[in-house]
PDB file of all heavy atoms in Angstrom:
ATOM      1  N   PRO A   1    -198.845 -84.045-241.964  1.00  0.00           N
ATOM      2  CA  PRO A   1    -198.966 -82.633-242.290  1.00  0.00           C
ATOM      3  C   PRO A   1    -197.592 -81.961-242.372  1.00  0.00           C
ATOM      4  O   PRO A   1    -196.703 -82.271-241.536  1.00  0.00           O
ATOM      5  CB  PRO A   1    -199.774 -82.044-241.217  1.00  0.00           C
ATOM      6  CG  PRO A   1    -200.386 -83.172-240.420  1.00  0.00           C
ATOM      7  CD  PRO A   1    -199.536 -84.403-240.707  1.00  0.00           C
ATOM      8  N   LEU A   2    -197.369 -81.107-243.350  1.00  0.00           N
ATOM      9  CA  LEU A   2    -196.044 -80.390-243.483  1.00  0.00           C
ATOM     10  C   LEU A   2    -195.817 -79.532-242.307  1.00  0.00           C
ATOM     11  O   LEU A   2    -194.592 -79.409-241.926  1.00  0.00           O
ATOM     12  CB  LEU A   2    -196.071 -79.529-244.728  1.00  0.00           C
ATOM     13  CG  LEU A   2    -196.045 -80.333-246.047  1.00  0.00           C
ATOM     14  CD1 LEU A   2    -196.046 -79.352-247.225  1.00  0.00           C
ATOM     15  CD2 LEU A   2    -194.755 -81.131-246.174  1.00  0.00           C
ATOM     16  N   ALA A   3    -196.800 -79.038-241.577  1.00  0.00           N
ATOM     17  CA  ALA A   3    -196.524 -78.178-240.395  1.00  0.00           C
ATOM     18  C   ALA A   3    -195.922 -79.096-239.296  1.00  0.00           C
ATOM     19  O   ALA A   3    -195.022 -78.595-238.552  1.00  0.00           O
ATOM     20  CB  ALA A   3    -197.804 -77.621-239.912  1.00  0.00           C
ATOM     21  N   ALA A   4    -196.368 -80.303-239.175  1.00  0.00           N
ATOM     22  CA  ALA A   4    -195.726 -81.246-238.192  1.00  0.00           C
ATOM     23  C   ALA A   4    -194.289 -81.560-238.541  1.00  0.00           C
ATOM     24  O   ALA A   4    -193.422 -81.573-237.695  1.00  0.00           O
ATOM     25  CB  ALA A   4    -196.553 -82.519-238.104  1.00  0.00           C
ATOM     26  N   LEU A   5    -193.975 -81.798-239.822  1.00  0.00           N
ATOM     27  CA  LEU A   5    -192.608 -82.034-240.239  1.00  0.00           C
ATOM     28  C   LEU A   5    -191.772 -80.829-240.038  1.00  0.00           C
ATOM     29  O   LEU A   5    -190.616 -80.954-239.624  1.00  0.00           O
ATOM     30  CB  LEU A   5    -192.590 -82.450-241.746  1.00  0.00           C
ATOM     31  CG  LEU A   5    -193.151 -83.812-242.121  1.00  0.00           C
ATOM     32  CD1 LEU A   5    -193.135 -84.021-243.573  1.00  0.00           C
ATOM     33  CD2 LEU A   5    -192.327 -84.884-241.424  1.00  0.00           C
ATOM     34  N   ALA A   6    -192.304 -79.626-240.294  1.00  0.00           N
ATOM     35  CA  ALA A   6    -191.546 -78.379-240.030  1.00  0.00           C
ATOM     36  C   ALA A   6    -191.240 -78.228-238.552  1.00  0.00           C
ATOM     37  O   ALA A   6    -190.069 -77.871-238.176  1.00  0.00           O
ATOM     38  CB  ALA A   6    -192.298 -77.206-240.571  1.00  0.00           C
ATOM     39  N   GLY A   7    -192.175 -78.599-237.689  1.00  0.00           N
ATOM     40  CA  GLY A   7    -191.956 -78.478-236.260  1.00  0.00           C
ATOM     41  C   GLY A   7    -190.865 -79.512-235.796  1.00  0.00           C
ATOM     42  O   GLY A   7    -190.020 -79.128-234.980  1.00  0.00           O
ATOM     43  N   ILE A   8    -190.892 -80.711-236.359  1.00  0.00           N
ATOM     44  CA  ILE A   8    -189.893 -81.632-235.962  1.00  0.00           C
ATOM     45  C   ILE A   8    -188.490 -81.259-236.499  1.00  0.00           C
ATOM     46  O   ILE A   8    -187.510 -81.320-235.736  1.00  0.00           O
ATOM     47  CB  ILE A   8    -190.251 -83.075-236.599  1.00  0.00           C
ATOM     48  CG1 ILE A   8    -191.487 -83.656-235.951  1.00  0.00           C
ATOM     49  CG2 ILE A   8    -189.063 -84.054-236.510  1.00  0.00           C
ATOM     50  CD1 ILE A   8    -192.079 -84.826-236.603  1.00  0.00           C
ATOM     51  N   LEU A   9    -188.470 -80.671-237.704  1.00  0.00           N
ATOM     52  CA  LEU A   9    -187.210 -80.165-238.273  1.00  0.00           C
ATOM     53  C   LEU A   9    -186.684 -79.038-237.424  1.00  0.00           C
ATOM     54  O   LEU A   9    -185.447 -78.930-237.100  1.00  0.00           O
ATOM     55  CB  LEU A   9    -187.392 -79.726-239.699  1.00  0.00           C
ATOM     56  CG  LEU A   9    -186.142 -79.300-240.464  1.00  0.00           C
ATOM     57  CD1 LEU A   9    -185.144 -80.370-240.532  1.00  0.00           C
ATOM     58  CD2 LEU A   9    -186.527 -78.810-241.809  1.00  0.00           C
ATOM     59  N   MET A  10    -187.514 -78.120-236.977  1.00  0.00           N
ATOM     60  CA  MET A  10    -187.089 -77.020-236.136  1.00  0.00           C
ATOM     61  C   MET A  10    -186.536 -77.532-234.801  1.00  0.00           C
ATOM     62  O   MET A  10    -185.545 -77.019-234.306  1.00  0.00           O
ATOM     63  CB  MET A  10    -188.215 -76.041-235.889  1.00  0.00           C
ATOM     64  CG  MET A  10    -188.763 -75.426-237.149  1.00  0.00           C
ATOM     65  SD  MET A  10    -188.207 -73.761-237.540  1.00  0.00           S
ATOM     66  CE  MET A  10    -188.283 -72.845-236.094  1.00  0.00           C
ATOM     67  N   PHE A  11    -187.199 -78.486-234.189  1.00  0.00           N
ATOM     68  CA  PHE A  11    -186.821 -79.045-232.920  1.00  0.00           C
ATOM     69  C   PHE A  11    -185.421 -79.713-233.026  1.00  0.00           C
ATOM     70  O   PHE A  11    -184.556 -79.577-232.254  1.00  0.00           O
ATOM     71  CB  PHE A  11    -187.836 -80.071-232.453  1.00  0.00           C
ATOM     72  CG  PHE A  11    -187.505 -80.742-231.183  1.00  0.00           C
ATOM     73  CD1 PHE A  11    -187.630 -80.060-229.942  1.00  0.00           C
ATOM     74  CD2 PHE A  11    -186.987 -82.039-231.139  1.00  0.00           C
ATOM     75  CE1 PHE A  11    -187.261 -80.615-228.740  1.00  0.00           C
ATOM     76  CE2 PHE A  11    -186.638 -82.626-229.906  1.00  0.00           C
ATOM     77  CZ  PHE A  11    -186.814 -81.890-228.734  1.00  0.00           C
ATOM     78  N   VAL A  12    -185.273 -80.519-234.104  1.00  0.00           N
ATOM     79  CA  VAL A  12    -183.988 -81.159-234.335  1.00  0.00           C
ATOM     80  C   VAL A  12    -182.852 -80.142-234.583  1.00  0.00           C
ATOM     81  O   VAL A  12    -181.728 -80.241-234.040  1.00  0.00           O
ATOM     82  CB  VAL A  12    -184.075 -82.215-235.563  1.00  0.00           C
ATOM     83  CG1 VAL A  12    -182.698 -82.672-235.906  1.00  0.00           C
ATOM     84  CG2 VAL A  12    -184.975 -83.317-235.197  1.00  0.00           C
ATOM     85  N   ALA A  13    -183.122 -79.125-235.344  1.00  0.00           N
ATOM     86  CA  ALA A  13    -182.167 -78.076-235.692  1.00  0.00           C
ATOM     87  C   ALA A  13    -181.742 -77.328-234.370  1.00  0.00           C
ATOM     88  O   ALA A  13    -180.570 -77.030-234.197  1.00  0.00           O
ATOM     89  CB  ALA A  13    -182.700 -77.104-236.682  1.00  0.00           C
ATOM     90  N   TRP A  14    -182.745 -77.061-233.577  1.00  0.00           N
ATOM     91  CA  TRP A  14    -182.486 -76.321-232.319  1.00  0.00           C
ATOM     92  C   TRP A  14    -181.593 -77.180-231.406  1.00  0.00           C
ATOM     93  O   TRP A  14    -180.606 -76.687-230.830  1.00  0.00           O
ATOM     94  CB  TRP A  14    -183.777 -75.998-231.621  1.00  0.00           C
ATOM     95  CG  TRP A  14    -183.561 -75.234-230.311  1.00  0.00           C
ATOM     96  CD1 TRP A  14    -183.490 -75.782-229.082  1.00  0.00           C
ATOM     97  CD2 TRP A  14    -183.254 -73.877-230.179  1.00  0.00           C
ATOM     98  NE1 TRP A  14    -183.212 -74.783-228.149  1.00  0.00           N
ATOM     99  CE2 TRP A  14    -183.085 -73.644-228.797  1.00  0.00           C
ATOM    100  CE3 TRP A  14    -183.136 -72.826-231.092  1.00  0.00           C
ATOM    101  CZ2 TRP A  14    -182.832 -72.361-228.320  1.00  0.00           C
ATOM    102  CZ3 TRP A  14    -182.901 -71.554-230.609  1.00  0.00           C
ATOM    103  CH2 TRP A  14    -182.736 -71.337-229.254  1.00  0.00           C
ATOM    104  N   ASN A  15    -181.824 -78.448-231.315  1.00  0.00           N
ATOM    105  CA  ASN A  15    -181.093 -79.305-230.437  1.00  0.00           C
ATOM    106  C   ASN A  15    -179.637 -79.553-231.018  1.00  0.00           C
ATOM    107  O   ASN A  15    -178.704 -79.798-230.267  1.00  0.00           O
ATOM    108  CB  ASN A  15    -181.717 -80.707-230.271  1.00  0.00           C
ATOM    109  CG  ASN A  15    -182.908 -80.546-229.294  1.00  0.00           C
ATOM    110  OD1 ASN A  15    -182.990 -79.616-228.489  1.00  0.00           O
ATOM    111  ND2 ASN A  15    -183.911 -81.420-229.478  1.00  0.00           N
ATOM    112  N   MET A  16    -179.461 -79.467-232.319  1.00  0.00           N
ATOM    113  CA  MET A  16    -178.149 -79.609-232.938  1.00  0.00           C
ATOM    114  C   MET A  16    -177.281 -78.355-232.863  1.00  0.00           C
ATOM    115  O   MET A  16    -176.104 -78.374-233.121  1.00  0.00           O
ATOM    116  CB  MET A  16    -178.289 -80.005-234.400  1.00  0.00           C
ATOM    117  CG  MET A  16    -178.613 -81.509-234.589  1.00  0.00           C
ATOM    118  SD  MET A  16    -178.810 -81.882-236.311  1.00  0.00           S
ATOM    119  CE  MET A  16    -177.662 -80.993-237.134  1.00  0.00           C
ATOM    120  N   GLY A  17    -177.981 -77.228-232.627  1.00  0.00           N
ATOM    121  CA  GLY A  17    -177.282 -75.931-232.721  1.00  0.00           C
ATOM    122  C   GLY A  17    -176.099 -75.693-231.808  1.00  0.00           C
ATOM    123  O   GLY A  17    -175.252 -74.879-232.093  1.00  0.00           O
ATOM    124  N   GLU A  18    -176.039 -76.380-230.719  1.00  0.00           N
ATOM    125  CA  GLU A  18    -174.951 -76.197-229.643  1.00  0.00           C
ATOM    126  C   GLU A  18    -174.789 -74.667-229.380  1.00  0.00           C
ATOM    127  O   GLU A  18    -173.693 -74.093-229.558  1.00  0.00           O
ATOM    128  CB  GLU A  18    -173.650 -76.830-230.176  1.00  0.00           C
ATOM    129  CG  GLU A  18    -173.795 -78.342-230.340  1.00  0.00           C
ATOM    130  CD  GLU A  18    -172.490 -79.024-230.499  1.00  0.00           C
ATOM    131  OE1 GLU A  18    -171.411 -78.429-230.171  1.00  0.00           O
ATOM    132  OE2 GLU A  18    -172.516 -80.180-231.003  1.00  0.00           O
ATOM    133  N   TRP A  19    -175.882 -74.108-228.903  1.00  0.00           N
ATOM    134  CA  TRP A  19    -175.905 -72.658-228.652  1.00  0.00           C
ATOM    135  C   TRP A  19    -174.999 -72.224-227.572  1.00  0.00           C
ATOM    136  O   TRP A  19    -174.583 -71.079-227.498  1.00  0.00           O
ATOM    137  CB  TRP A  19    -177.330 -72.241-228.387  1.00  0.00           C
ATOM    138  CG  TRP A  19    -178.286 -72.656-229.446  1.00  0.00           C
ATOM    139  CD1 TRP A  19    -179.188 -73.681-229.477  1.00  0.00           C
ATOM    140  CD2 TRP A  19    -178.392 -72.059-230.755  1.00  0.00           C
ATOM    141  NE1 TRP A  19    -179.783 -73.808-230.632  1.00  0.00           N
ATOM    142  CE2 TRP A  19    -179.368 -72.818-231.487  1.00  0.00           C
ATOM    143  CE3 TRP A  19    -177.735 -71.019-231.404  1.00  0.00           C
ATOM    144  CZ2 TRP A  19    -179.698 -72.530-232.744  1.00  0.00           C
ATOM    145  CZ3 TRP A  19    -178.121 -70.793-232.679  1.00  0.00           C
ATOM    146  CH2 TRP A  19    -179.020 -71.518-233.372  1.00  0.00           C
ATOM    147  N   HIS A  20    -174.551 -73.118-226.701  1.00  0.00           N
ATOM    148  CA  HIS A  20    -173.640 -72.735-225.619  1.00  0.00           C
ATOM    149  C   HIS A  20    -172.295 -72.251-226.224  1.00  0.00           C
ATOM    150  O   HIS A  20    -171.615 -71.543-225.542  1.00  0.00           O
ATOM    151  CB  HIS A  20    -173.410 -73.938-224.630  1.00  0.00           C
ATOM    152  CG  HIS A  20    -172.780 -75.126-225.350  1.00  0.00           C
ATOM    153  ND1 HIS A  20    -173.522 -76.056-226.129  1.00  0.00           N
ATOM    154  CD2 HIS A  20    -171.507 -75.488-225.401  1.00  0.00           C
ATOM    155  CE1 HIS A  20    -172.715 -76.985-226.537  1.00  0.00           C
ATOM    156  NE2 HIS A  20    -171.483 -76.691-226.112  1.00  0.00           N
ATOM    157  N   GLU A  21    -171.959 -72.654-227.421  1.00  0.00           N
ATOM    158  CA  GLU A  21    -170.690 -72.232-227.993  1.00  0.00           C
ATOM    159  C   GLU A  21    -170.676 -70.754-228.212  1.00  0.00           C
ATOM    160  O   GLU A  21    -169.621 -70.106-228.174  1.00  0.00           O
ATOM    161  CB  GLU A  21    -170.485 -72.976-229.319  1.00  0.00           C
ATOM    162  CG  GLU A  21    -170.152 -74.372-229.210  1.00  0.00           C
ATOM    163  CD  GLU A  21    -168.876 -74.690-228.485  1.00  0.00           C
ATOM    164  OE1 GLU A  21    -167.874 -73.933-228.664  1.00  0.00           O
ATOM    165  OE2 GLU A  21    -168.850 -75.653-227.683  1.00  0.00           O
ATOM    166  N   PHE A  22    -171.850 -70.133-228.473  1.00  0.00           N
ATOM    167  CA  PHE A  22    -171.877 -68.630-228.689  1.00  0.00           C
ATOM    168  C   PHE A  22    -171.485 -67.920-227.422  1.00  0.00           C
ATOM    169  O   PHE A  22    -170.924 -66.830-227.437  1.00  0.00           O
ATOM    170  CB  PHE A  22    -173.217 -68.230-229.196  1.00  0.00           C
ATOM    171  CG  PHE A  22    -173.440 -68.506-230.655  1.00  0.00           C
ATOM    172  CD1 PHE A  22    -174.114 -69.677-231.073  1.00  0.00           C
ATOM    173  CD2 PHE A  22    -172.923 -67.699-231.625  1.00  0.00           C
ATOM    174  CE1 PHE A  22    -174.268 -69.986-232.394  1.00  0.00           C
ATOM    175  CE2 PHE A  22    -173.128 -67.973-232.957  1.00  0.00           C
ATOM    176  CZ  PHE A  22    -173.757 -69.125-233.381  1.00  0.00           C
ATOM    177  N   GLY A  23    -171.821 -68.473-226.239  1.00  0.00           N
ATOM    178  CA  GLY A  23    -171.440 -67.897-224.977  1.00  0.00           C
ATOM    179  C   GLY A  23    -169.990 -67.893-224.747  1.00  0.00           C
ATOM    180  O   GLY A  23    -169.444 -67.031-224.027  1.00  0.00           O
ATOM    181  N   ARG A  24    -169.281 -68.794-225.371  1.00  0.00           N
ATOM    182  CA  ARG A  24    -167.798 -68.932-225.188  1.00  0.00           C
ATOM    183  C   ARG A  24    -167.035 -68.094-226.197  1.00  0.00           C
ATOM    184  O   ARG A  24    -165.793 -68.030-226.219  1.00  0.00           O
ATOM    185  CB  ARG A  24    -167.356 -70.417-225.347  1.00  0.00           C
ATOM    186  CG  ARG A  24    -167.902 -71.276-224.271  1.00  0.00           C
ATOM    187  CD  ARG A  24    -167.476 -72.716-224.430  1.00  0.00           C
ATOM    188  NE  ARG A  24    -166.171 -72.875-225.078  1.00  0.00           N
ATOM    189  CZ  ARG A  24    -165.753 -73.925-225.614  1.00  0.00           C
ATOM    190  NH1 ARG A  24    -166.456 -75.022-225.643  1.00  0.00           N
ATOM    191  NH2 ARG A  24    -164.555 -74.013-226.159  1.00  0.00           N
ATOM    192  N   LEU A  25    -167.710 -67.469-227.107  1.00  0.00           N
ATOM    193  CA  LEU A  25    -167.030 -66.647-228.167  1.00  0.00           C
ATOM    194  C   LEU A  25    -166.007 -65.635-227.712  1.00  0.00           C
ATOM    195  O   LEU A  25    -164.995 -65.417-228.348  1.00  0.00           O
ATOM    196  CB  LEU A  25    -168.094 -65.984-229.081  1.00  0.00           C
ATOM    197  CG  LEU A  25    -168.669 -66.742-230.259  1.00  0.00           C
ATOM    198  CD1 LEU A  25    -169.624 -65.970-231.000  1.00  0.00           C
ATOM    199  CD2 LEU A  25    -167.553 -67.233-231.151  1.00  0.00           C
ATOM    200  N   ARG A  26    -166.278 -65.010-226.594  1.00  0.00           N
ATOM    201  CA  ARG A  26    -165.415 -63.920-226.155  1.00  0.00           C
ATOM    202  C   ARG A  26    -164.063 -64.432-225.760  1.00  0.00           C
ATOM    203  O   ARG A  26    -163.127 -63.678-225.649  1.00  0.00           O
ATOM    204  CB  ARG A  26    -166.112 -63.094-224.991  1.00  0.00           C
ATOM    205  CG  ARG A  26    -166.307 -63.943-223.747  1.00  0.00           C
ATOM    206  CD  ARG A  26    -167.027 -63.138-222.640  1.00  0.00           C
ATOM    207  NE  ARG A  26    -167.439 -63.961-221.554  1.00  0.00           N
ATOM    208  CZ  ARG A  26    -168.628 -64.667-221.569  1.00  0.00           C
ATOM    209  NH1 ARG A  26    -169.404 -64.587-222.546  1.00  0.00           N
ATOM    210  NH2 ARG A  26    -168.898 -65.455-220.525  1.00  0.00           N
ATOM    211  N   ARG A  27    -163.957 -65.708-225.561  1.00  0.00           N
ATOM    212  CA  ARG A  27    -162.663 -66.345-225.189  1.00  0.00           C
ATOM    213  C   ARG A  27    -161.713 -66.478-226.404  1.00  0.00           C
ATOM    214  O   ARG A  27    -160.508 -66.762-226.257  1.00  0.00           O
ATOM    215  CB  ARG A  27    -162.841 -67.688-224.544  1.00  0.00           C
ATOM    216  CG  ARG A  27    -163.516 -67.692-223.317  1.00  0.00           C
ATOM    217  CD  ARG A  27    -163.595 -69.091-222.737  1.00  0.00           C
ATOM    218  NE  ARG A  27    -164.597 -69.174-221.702  1.00  0.00           N
ATOM    219  CZ  ARG A  27    -165.086 -70.340-221.248  1.00  0.00           C
ATOM    220  NH1 ARG A  27    -164.686 -71.407-221.794  1.00  0.00           N
ATOM    221  NH2 ARG A  27    -165.965 -70.367-220.307  1.00  0.00           N
ATOM    222  N   PHE A  28    -162.290 -66.434-227.596  1.00  0.00           N
ATOM    223  CA  PHE A  28    -161.534 -66.752-228.784  1.00  0.00           C
ATOM    224  C   PHE A  28    -161.090 -65.509-229.462  1.00  0.00           C
ATOM    225  O   PHE A  28    -161.542 -64.408-229.232  1.00  0.00           O
ATOM    226  CB  PHE A  28    -162.395 -67.600-229.715  1.00  0.00           C
ATOM    227  CG  PHE A  28    -162.763 -68.966-229.154  1.00  0.00           C
ATOM    228  CD1 PHE A  28    -164.075 -69.202-228.804  1.00  0.00           C
ATOM    229  CD2 PHE A  28    -161.818 -69.907-228.845  1.00  0.00           C
ATOM    230  CE1 PHE A  28    -164.411 -70.427-228.209  1.00  0.00           C
ATOM    231  CE2 PHE A  28    -162.150 -71.059-228.339  1.00  0.00           C
ATOM    232  CZ  PHE A  28    -163.452 -71.430-227.980  1.00  0.00           C
ATOM    233  N   SER A  29    -160.218 -65.697-230.499  1.00  0.00           N
ATOM    234  CA  SER A  29    -159.672 -64.526-231.230  1.00  0.00           C
ATOM    235  C   SER A  29    -160.741 -63.875-232.143  1.00  0.00           C
ATOM    236  O   SER A  29    -161.710 -64.532-232.451  1.00  0.00           O
ATOM    237  CB  SER A  29    -158.484 -64.995-232.151  1.00  0.00           C
ATOM    238  OG  SER A  29    -158.941 -65.874-233.118  1.00  0.00           O
ATOM    239  N   VAL A  30    -160.489 -62.692-232.578  1.00  0.00           N
ATOM    240  CA  VAL A  30    -161.399 -61.976-233.465  1.00  0.00           C
ATOM    241  C   VAL A  30    -161.503 -62.773-234.747  1.00  0.00           C
ATOM    242  O   VAL A  30    -162.643 -62.815-235.308  1.00  0.00           O
ATOM    243  CB  VAL A  30    -160.830 -60.534-233.715  1.00  0.00           C
ATOM    244  CG1 VAL A  30    -161.653 -59.857-234.777  1.00  0.00           C
ATOM    245  CG2 VAL A  30    -160.798 -59.734-232.447  1.00  0.00           C
ATOM    246  N   GLN A  31    -160.473 -63.323-235.265  1.00  0.00           N
ATOM    247  CA  GLN A  31    -160.543 -64.090-236.545  1.00  0.00           C
ATOM    248  C   GLN A  31    -161.515 -65.294-236.357  1.00  0.00           C
ATOM    249  O   GLN A  31    -162.357 -65.532-237.184  1.00  0.00           O
ATOM    250  CB  GLN A  31    -159.155 -64.621-236.956  1.00  0.00           C
ATOM    251  CG  GLN A  31    -158.241 -63.487-237.364  1.00  0.00           C
ATOM    252  CD  GLN A  31    -157.372 -62.915-236.248  1.00  0.00           C
ATOM    253  OE1 GLN A  31    -157.595 -63.280-235.074  1.00  0.00           O
ATOM    254  NE2 GLN A  31    -156.423 -62.089-236.577  1.00  0.00           N
ATOM    255  N   TYR A  32    -161.367 -66.032-235.273  1.00  0.00           N
ATOM    256  CA  TYR A  32    -162.235 -67.174-235.052  1.00  0.00           C
ATOM    257  C   TYR A  32    -163.700 -66.729-234.926  1.00  0.00           C
ATOM    258  O   TYR A  32    -164.609 -67.385-235.474  1.00  0.00           O
ATOM    259  CB  TYR A  32    -161.810 -67.979-233.831  1.00  0.00           C
ATOM    260  CG  TYR A  32    -162.640 -69.180-233.560  1.00  0.00           C
ATOM    261  CD1 TYR A  32    -162.425 -70.352-234.246  1.00  0.00           C
ATOM    262  CD2 TYR A  32    -163.623 -69.117-232.623  1.00  0.00           C
ATOM    263  CE1 TYR A  32    -163.161 -71.479-234.014  1.00  0.00           C
ATOM    264  CE2 TYR A  32    -164.406 -70.297-232.345  1.00  0.00           C
ATOM    265  CZ  TYR A  32    -164.189 -71.422-233.068  1.00  0.00           C
ATOM    266  OH  TYR A  32    -164.988 -72.516-232.861  1.00  0.00           O
ATOM    267  N   ARG A  33    -163.918 -65.696-234.175  1.00  0.00           N
ATOM    268  CA  ARG A  33    -165.283 -65.199-233.982  1.00  0.00           C
ATOM    269  C   ARG A  33    -165.875 -64.780-235.350  1.00  0.00           C
ATOM    270  O   ARG A  33    -167.047 -65.039-235.592  1.00  0.00           O
ATOM    271  CB  ARG A  33    -165.310 -63.976-233.023  1.00  0.00           C
ATOM    272  CG  ARG A  33    -165.121 -64.453-231.588  1.00  0.00           C
ATOM    273  CD  ARG A  33    -165.272 -63.200-230.655  1.00  0.00           C
ATOM    274  NE  ARG A  33    -164.059 -62.440-230.750  1.00  0.00           N
ATOM    275  CZ  ARG A  33    -163.619 -61.628-229.844  1.00  0.00           C
ATOM    276  NH1 ARG A  33    -164.326 -61.423-228.754  1.00  0.00           N
ATOM    277  NH2 ARG A  33    -162.501 -60.968-229.937  1.00  0.00           N
ATOM    278  N   THR A  34    -165.078 -64.077-236.118  1.00  0.00           N
ATOM    279  CA  THR A  34    -165.590 -63.624-237.426  1.00  0.00           C
ATOM    280  C   THR A  34    -166.017 -64.800-238.353  1.00  0.00           C
ATOM    281  O   THR A  34    -167.030 -64.784-238.978  1.00  0.00           O
ATOM    282  CB  THR A  34    -164.512 -62.794-238.160  1.00  0.00           C
ATOM    283  OG1 THR A  34    -164.168 -61.681-237.321  1.00  0.00           O
ATOM    284  CG2 THR A  34    -164.967 -62.321-239.533  1.00  0.00           C
ATOM    285  N   ILE A  35    -165.160 -65.844-238.316  1.00  0.00           N
ATOM    286  CA  ILE A  35    -165.449 -67.021-239.126  1.00  0.00           C
ATOM    287  C   ILE A  35    -166.754 -67.696-238.615  1.00  0.00           C
ATOM    288  O   ILE A  35    -167.603 -68.026-239.366  1.00  0.00           O
ATOM    289  CB  ILE A  35    -164.200 -67.956-239.168  1.00  0.00           C
ATOM    290  CG1 ILE A  35    -163.057 -67.339-239.895  1.00  0.00           C
ATOM    291  CG2 ILE A  35    -164.641 -69.309-239.819  1.00  0.00           C
ATOM    292  CD1 ILE A  35    -161.751 -68.089-239.744  1.00  0.00           C
ATOM    293  N   LEU A  36    -166.813 -67.904-237.320  1.00  0.00           N
ATOM    294  CA  LEU A  36    -167.950 -68.629-236.785  1.00  0.00           C
ATOM    295  C   LEU A  36    -169.248 -67.893-236.941  1.00  0.00           C
ATOM    296  O   LEU A  36    -170.214 -68.392-237.480  1.00  0.00           O
ATOM    297  CB  LEU A  36    -167.761 -68.889-235.241  1.00  0.00           C
ATOM    298  CG  LEU A  36    -168.888 -69.685-234.640  1.00  0.00           C
ATOM    299  CD1 LEU A  36    -168.856 -71.132-234.969  1.00  0.00           C
ATOM    300  CD2 LEU A  36    -168.853 -69.513-233.097  1.00  0.00           C
ATOM    301  N   VAL A  37    -169.260 -66.541-236.591  1.00  0.00           N
ATOM    302  CA  VAL A  37    -170.481 -65.826-236.743  1.00  0.00           C
ATOM    303  C   VAL A  37    -170.870 -65.583-238.183  1.00  0.00           C
ATOM    304  O   VAL A  37    -172.032 -65.624-238.585  1.00  0.00           O
ATOM    305  CB  VAL A  37    -170.375 -64.462-235.918  1.00  0.00           C
ATOM    306  CG1 VAL A  37    -171.528 -63.549-236.241  1.00  0.00           C
ATOM    307  CG2 VAL A  37    -170.241 -64.757-234.435  1.00  0.00           C
ATOM    308  N   GLY A  38    -169.871 -65.309-239.007  1.00  0.00           N
ATOM    309  CA  GLY A  38    -170.141 -65.086-240.440  1.00  0.00           C
ATOM    310  C   GLY A  38    -170.653 -66.357-241.096  1.00  0.00           C
ATOM    311  O   GLY A  38    -171.635 -66.301-241.840  1.00  0.00           O
ATOM    312  N   THR A  39    -170.049 -67.492-240.794  1.00  0.00           N
ATOM    313  CA  THR A  39    -170.584 -68.761-241.342  1.00  0.00           C
ATOM    314  C   THR A  39    -171.971 -69.058-240.875  1.00  0.00           C
ATOM    315  O   THR A  39    -172.852 -69.474-241.653  1.00  0.00           O
ATOM    316  CB  THR A  39    -169.642 -69.936-241.021  1.00  0.00           C
ATOM    317  OG1 THR A  39    -168.307 -69.574-241.439  1.00  0.00           O
ATOM    318  CG2 THR A  39    -170.044 -71.238-241.667  1.00  0.00           C
ATOM    319  N   PHE A  40    -172.259 -68.835-239.613  1.00  0.00           N
ATOM    320  CA  PHE A  40    -173.546 -69.028-239.023  1.00  0.00           C
ATOM    321  C   PHE A  40    -174.566 -68.113-239.720  1.00  0.00           C
ATOM    322  O   PHE A  40    -175.692 -68.601-240.163  1.00  0.00           O
ATOM    323  CB  PHE A  40    -173.583 -68.737-237.530  1.00  0.00           C
ATOM    324  CG  PHE A  40    -174.938 -68.783-236.904  1.00  0.00           C
ATOM    325  CD1 PHE A  40    -175.512 -70.020-236.637  1.00  0.00           C
ATOM    326  CD2 PHE A  40    -175.582 -67.658-236.603  1.00  0.00           C
ATOM    327  CE1 PHE A  40    -176.795 -70.038-236.075  1.00  0.00           C
ATOM    328  CE2 PHE A  40    -176.902 -67.689-236.037  1.00  0.00           C
ATOM    329  CZ  PHE A  40    -177.477 -68.882-235.732  1.00  0.00           C
ATOM    330  N   ALA A  41    -174.287 -66.834-239.878  1.00  0.00           N
ATOM    331  CA  ALA A  41    -175.211 -65.904-240.467  1.00  0.00           C
ATOM    332  C   ALA A  41    -175.487 -66.263-241.906  1.00  0.00           C
ATOM    333  O   ALA A  41    -176.614 -66.210-242.411  1.00  0.00           O
ATOM    334  CB  ALA A  41    -174.705 -64.550-240.370  1.00  0.00           C
ATOM    335  N   LEU A  42    -174.459 -66.620-242.652  1.00  0.00           N
ATOM    336  CA  LEU A  42    -174.638 -67.008-244.055  1.00  0.00           C
ATOM    337  C   LEU A  42    -175.449 -68.303-244.217  1.00  0.00           C
ATOM    338  O   LEU A  42    -176.194 -68.451-245.203  1.00  0.00           O
ATOM    339  CB  LEU A  42    -173.230 -67.142-244.727  1.00  0.00           C
ATOM    340  CG  LEU A  42    -172.520 -65.846-244.985  1.00  0.00           C
ATOM    341  CD1 LEU A  42    -171.129 -66.110-245.497  1.00  0.00           C
ATOM    342  CD2 LEU A  42    -173.237 -64.967-245.993  1.00  0.00           C
ATOM    343  N   THR A  43    -175.290 -69.265-243.231  1.00  0.00           N
ATOM    344  CA  THR A  43    -176.050 -70.388-243.344  1.00  0.00           C
ATOM    345  C   THR A  43    -177.574 -70.090-243.155  1.00  0.00           C
ATOM    346  O   THR A  43    -178.441 -70.677-243.845  1.00  0.00           O
ATOM    347  CB  THR A  43    -175.612 -71.430-242.192  1.00  0.00           C
ATOM    348  OG1 THR A  43    -174.264 -71.663-242.367  1.00  0.00           O
ATOM    349  CG2 THR A  43    -176.408 -72.714-242.237  1.00  0.00           C
ATOM    350  N   VAL A  44    -177.871 -69.214-242.240  1.00  0.00           N
ATOM    351  CA  VAL A  44    -179.258 -68.808-241.953  1.00  0.00           C
ATOM    352  C   VAL A  44    -179.830 -68.022-243.123  1.00  0.00           C
ATOM    353  O   VAL A  44    -180.928 -68.296-243.607  1.00  0.00           O
ATOM    354  CB  VAL A  44    -179.384 -68.046-240.623  1.00  0.00           C
ATOM    355  CG1 VAL A  44    -180.820 -67.477-240.484  1.00  0.00           C
ATOM    356  CG2 VAL A  44    -178.988 -68.928-239.433  1.00  0.00           C
TER     357      VAL A  44
END
C-alpha cells in the first residue's frame, strides 16, 4: 500500500534529518544560518 511506503519514507527522512544541527545554529554566523535555514525551507 502507498500509505505504508509513505510511512517508511517519512521515517527514513526523519532519521536522516540530523535535527540536532538546528540546535547548534546559534553558534554559527548569520550568513551560515541564513544559508542552512533558507536551503532547508526551500527543500521543504
